[in-house]
């Protein structure tokens, strides 16, 4: 029991650290950000994650925490953070790719890119640039 509590505490600390490092202007999961993307003509990036997922925290800190990645996303995308534990509809929608799961949609809702798991910034930046 003590070991489980310690692991949970470490996971929570990692999550807080990762969120503190990200400068992406995340929107809450829902229809509003998709409508915003359509209205602005911007692609929509969805990061489906779980608070208990180690690689989700790594991606938050290392990939989304990178200033170049965050700047590109904030400047050209509508970014949505979908916590799958708080939003069962997001969990159902992205369960086929797992956590973290990243999907980029065109403003009209077409899927442009989907990826399962951690995406290092070196692999993610070229994708973001191609979409823009």
Protein backbone atom coordinates (compact mmCIF):
# COMPACT_ATOMS: atom_id res chain seq x y z
CA UNK A 1 0.00 0.00 0.00
CA UNK A 2 2.79 2.41 0.86
CA UNK A 3 4.55 1.68 -2.43
CA UNK A 4 1.34 2.40 -4.36
CA UNK A 5 0.84 5.69 -2.53
CA UNK A 6 4.44 6.69 -3.25
CA UNK A 7 4.01 5.90 -6.96
CA UNK A 8 0.80 7.91 -7.11
CA UNK A 9 2.45 10.87 -5.40
CA UNK A 10 5.42 10.76 -7.75
CA UNK A 11 3.06 10.58 -10.73
CA UNK A 12 1.15 13.61 -9.47
CA UNK A 13 4.35 15.57 -8.94
CA UNK A 14 5.50 14.64 -12.45
CA UNK A 15 2.13 15.81 -13.82
CA UNK A 16 2.34 19.14 -12.05
CA UNK A 17 5.91 19.63 -13.23
CA UNK A 18 4.96 18.81 -16.82
CA UNK A 19 1.97 21.16 -16.85
CA UNK A 20 4.04 23.94 -15.36
CA UNK A 21 6.56 23.61 -18.20
CA UNK A 22 4.06 23.72 -21.06
CA UNK A 23 3.21 27.08 -22.54
CA UNK A 24 0.63 25.73 -24.99
CA UNK A 25 -2.69 27.58 -24.68
CA UNK A 26 -4.78 24.44 -24.12
CA UNK A 27 -8.55 24.57 -24.41
CA UNK A 28 -10.81 22.22 -22.50
CA UNK A 29 -12.26 19.23 -24.39
CA UNK A 30 -15.61 20.02 -26.02
CA UNK A 31 -17.27 21.23 -29.21
CA UNK A 32 -16.33 24.89 -28.65
CA UNK A 33 -12.68 24.60 -29.70
CA UNK A 34 -13.63 22.62 -32.83
CA UNK A 35 -16.07 25.39 -33.79
CA UNK A 36 -13.34 27.94 -33.08
CA UNK A 37 -10.95 26.10 -35.43
CA UNK A 38 -13.56 26.07 -38.17
CA UNK A 39 -14.41 29.76 -37.67
CA UNK A 40 -10.72 30.81 -37.68
CA UNK A 41 -9.68 28.40 -40.45
CA UNK A 42 -7.12 26.81 -38.11
CA UNK A 43 -6.30 23.13 -37.70
CA UNK A 44 -7.29 21.60 -34.37
CA UNK A 45 -4.75 19.61 -32.38
CA UNK A 46 -6.11 17.20 -29.75
CA UNK A 47 -3.86 15.74 -27.07
CA UNK A 48 -5.74 12.85 -25.44
CA UNK A 49 -4.09 11.99 -22.15
CA UNK A 50 -4.57 10.50 -18.72
CA UNK A 51 -3.18 11.85 -15.46
CA UNK A 52 -1.87 8.38 -14.55
CA UNK A 53 -0.04 7.95 -17.90
CA UNK A 54 3.74 8.29 -17.61
CA UNK A 55 4.36 8.99 -21.31
CA UNK A 56 1.62 11.63 -21.31
CA UNK A 57 3.63 13.58 -18.74
CA UNK A 58 6.84 13.08 -20.67
CA UNK A 59 5.21 14.44 -23.82
CA UNK A 60 3.76 17.39 -21.92
CA UNK A 61 7.15 18.31 -20.46
CA UNK A 62 9.51 17.50 -23.34
CA UNK A 63 7.44 18.03 -26.48
CA UNK A 64 4.78 20.58 -25.59
CA UNK A 65 7.21 22.22 -23.15
CA UNK A 66 9.57 23.03 -26.02
CA UNK A 67 9.28 26.75 -26.87
CA UNK A 68 9.38 26.16 -30.63
CA UNK A 69 6.63 23.51 -30.48
CA UNK A 70 4.48 25.64 -28.15
CA UNK A 71 4.98 28.75 -30.29
CA UNK A 72 3.99 26.97 -33.49
CA UNK A 73 0.90 25.43 -31.88
CA UNK A 74 -0.19 28.69 -30.25
CA UNK A 75 0.33 30.64 -33.47
CA UNK A 76 -1.38 28.35 -35.95
CA UNK A 77 -3.59 25.77 -34.17
CA UNK A 78 -6.49 25.47 -31.79
CA UNK A 79 -5.10 23.13 -29.11
CA UNK A 80 -7.34 20.88 -27.03
CA UNK A 81 -6.32 18.86 -23.97
CA UNK A 82 -8.66 15.88 -23.57
CA UNK A 83 -8.35 14.25 -20.15
CA UNK A 84 -9.82 10.83 -20.87
CA UNK A 85 -10.71 10.18 -17.23
CA UNK A 86 -12.81 13.36 -17.05
CA UNK A 87 -14.29 12.98 -20.53
CA UNK A 88 -15.49 9.43 -21.33
CA UNK A 89 -16.52 10.56 -24.84
CA UNK A 90 -12.90 11.52 -25.54
CA UNK A 91 -11.74 8.20 -24.12
CA UNK A 92 -14.08 6.35 -26.45
CA UNK A 93 -13.03 8.43 -29.45
CA UNK A 94 -9.28 7.97 -28.93
CA UNK A 95 -9.08 4.54 -27.28
CA UNK A 96 -7.92 2.95 -30.54
CA UNK A 97 -4.64 4.89 -30.44
CA UNK A 98 -4.02 4.93 -26.69
CA UNK A 99 -2.38 7.50 -24.45
CA UNK A 100 -0.97 9.85 -25.20
CA UNK A 101 -2.91 10.06 -28.41
CA UNK A 102 -2.41 13.00 -30.74
CA UNK A 103 -4.75 13.88 -33.58
CA UNK A 104 -4.66 16.88 -35.88
CA UNK A 105 -7.86 17.84 -37.68
CA UNK A 106 -8.34 20.18 -40.62
CA UNK A 107 -10.67 23.10 -39.88
CA UNK A 108 -13.45 21.16 -41.63
CA UNK A 109 -13.00 18.19 -39.27
CA UNK A 110 -11.03 15.82 -41.51
CA UNK A 111 -8.27 13.88 -39.77
CA UNK A 112 -4.90 15.04 -41.09
CA UNK A 113 -2.61 13.11 -38.73
CA UNK A 114 -2.95 10.63 -35.86
CA UNK A 115 -0.27 9.16 -33.67
CA UNK A 116 -0.18 6.81 -30.74
CA UNK A 117 2.24 7.32 -27.88
CA UNK A 118 4.98 9.75 -27.09
CA UNK A 119 6.12 11.93 -30.01
CA UNK A 120 9.53 13.57 -29.50
CA UNK A 121 9.75 17.21 -30.52
CA UNK A 122 12.19 16.28 -33.31
CA UNK A 123 9.47 14.14 -34.91
CA UNK A 124 6.57 16.46 -34.07
CA UNK A 125 7.92 19.76 -35.41
CA UNK A 126 8.04 18.59 -39.07
CA UNK A 127 4.43 17.36 -38.79
CA UNK A 128 3.26 20.69 -37.35
CA UNK A 129 5.10 22.60 -40.09
CA UNK A 130 3.61 20.42 -42.85
CA UNK A 131 0.08 21.01 -41.53
CA UNK A 132 0.63 24.78 -41.34
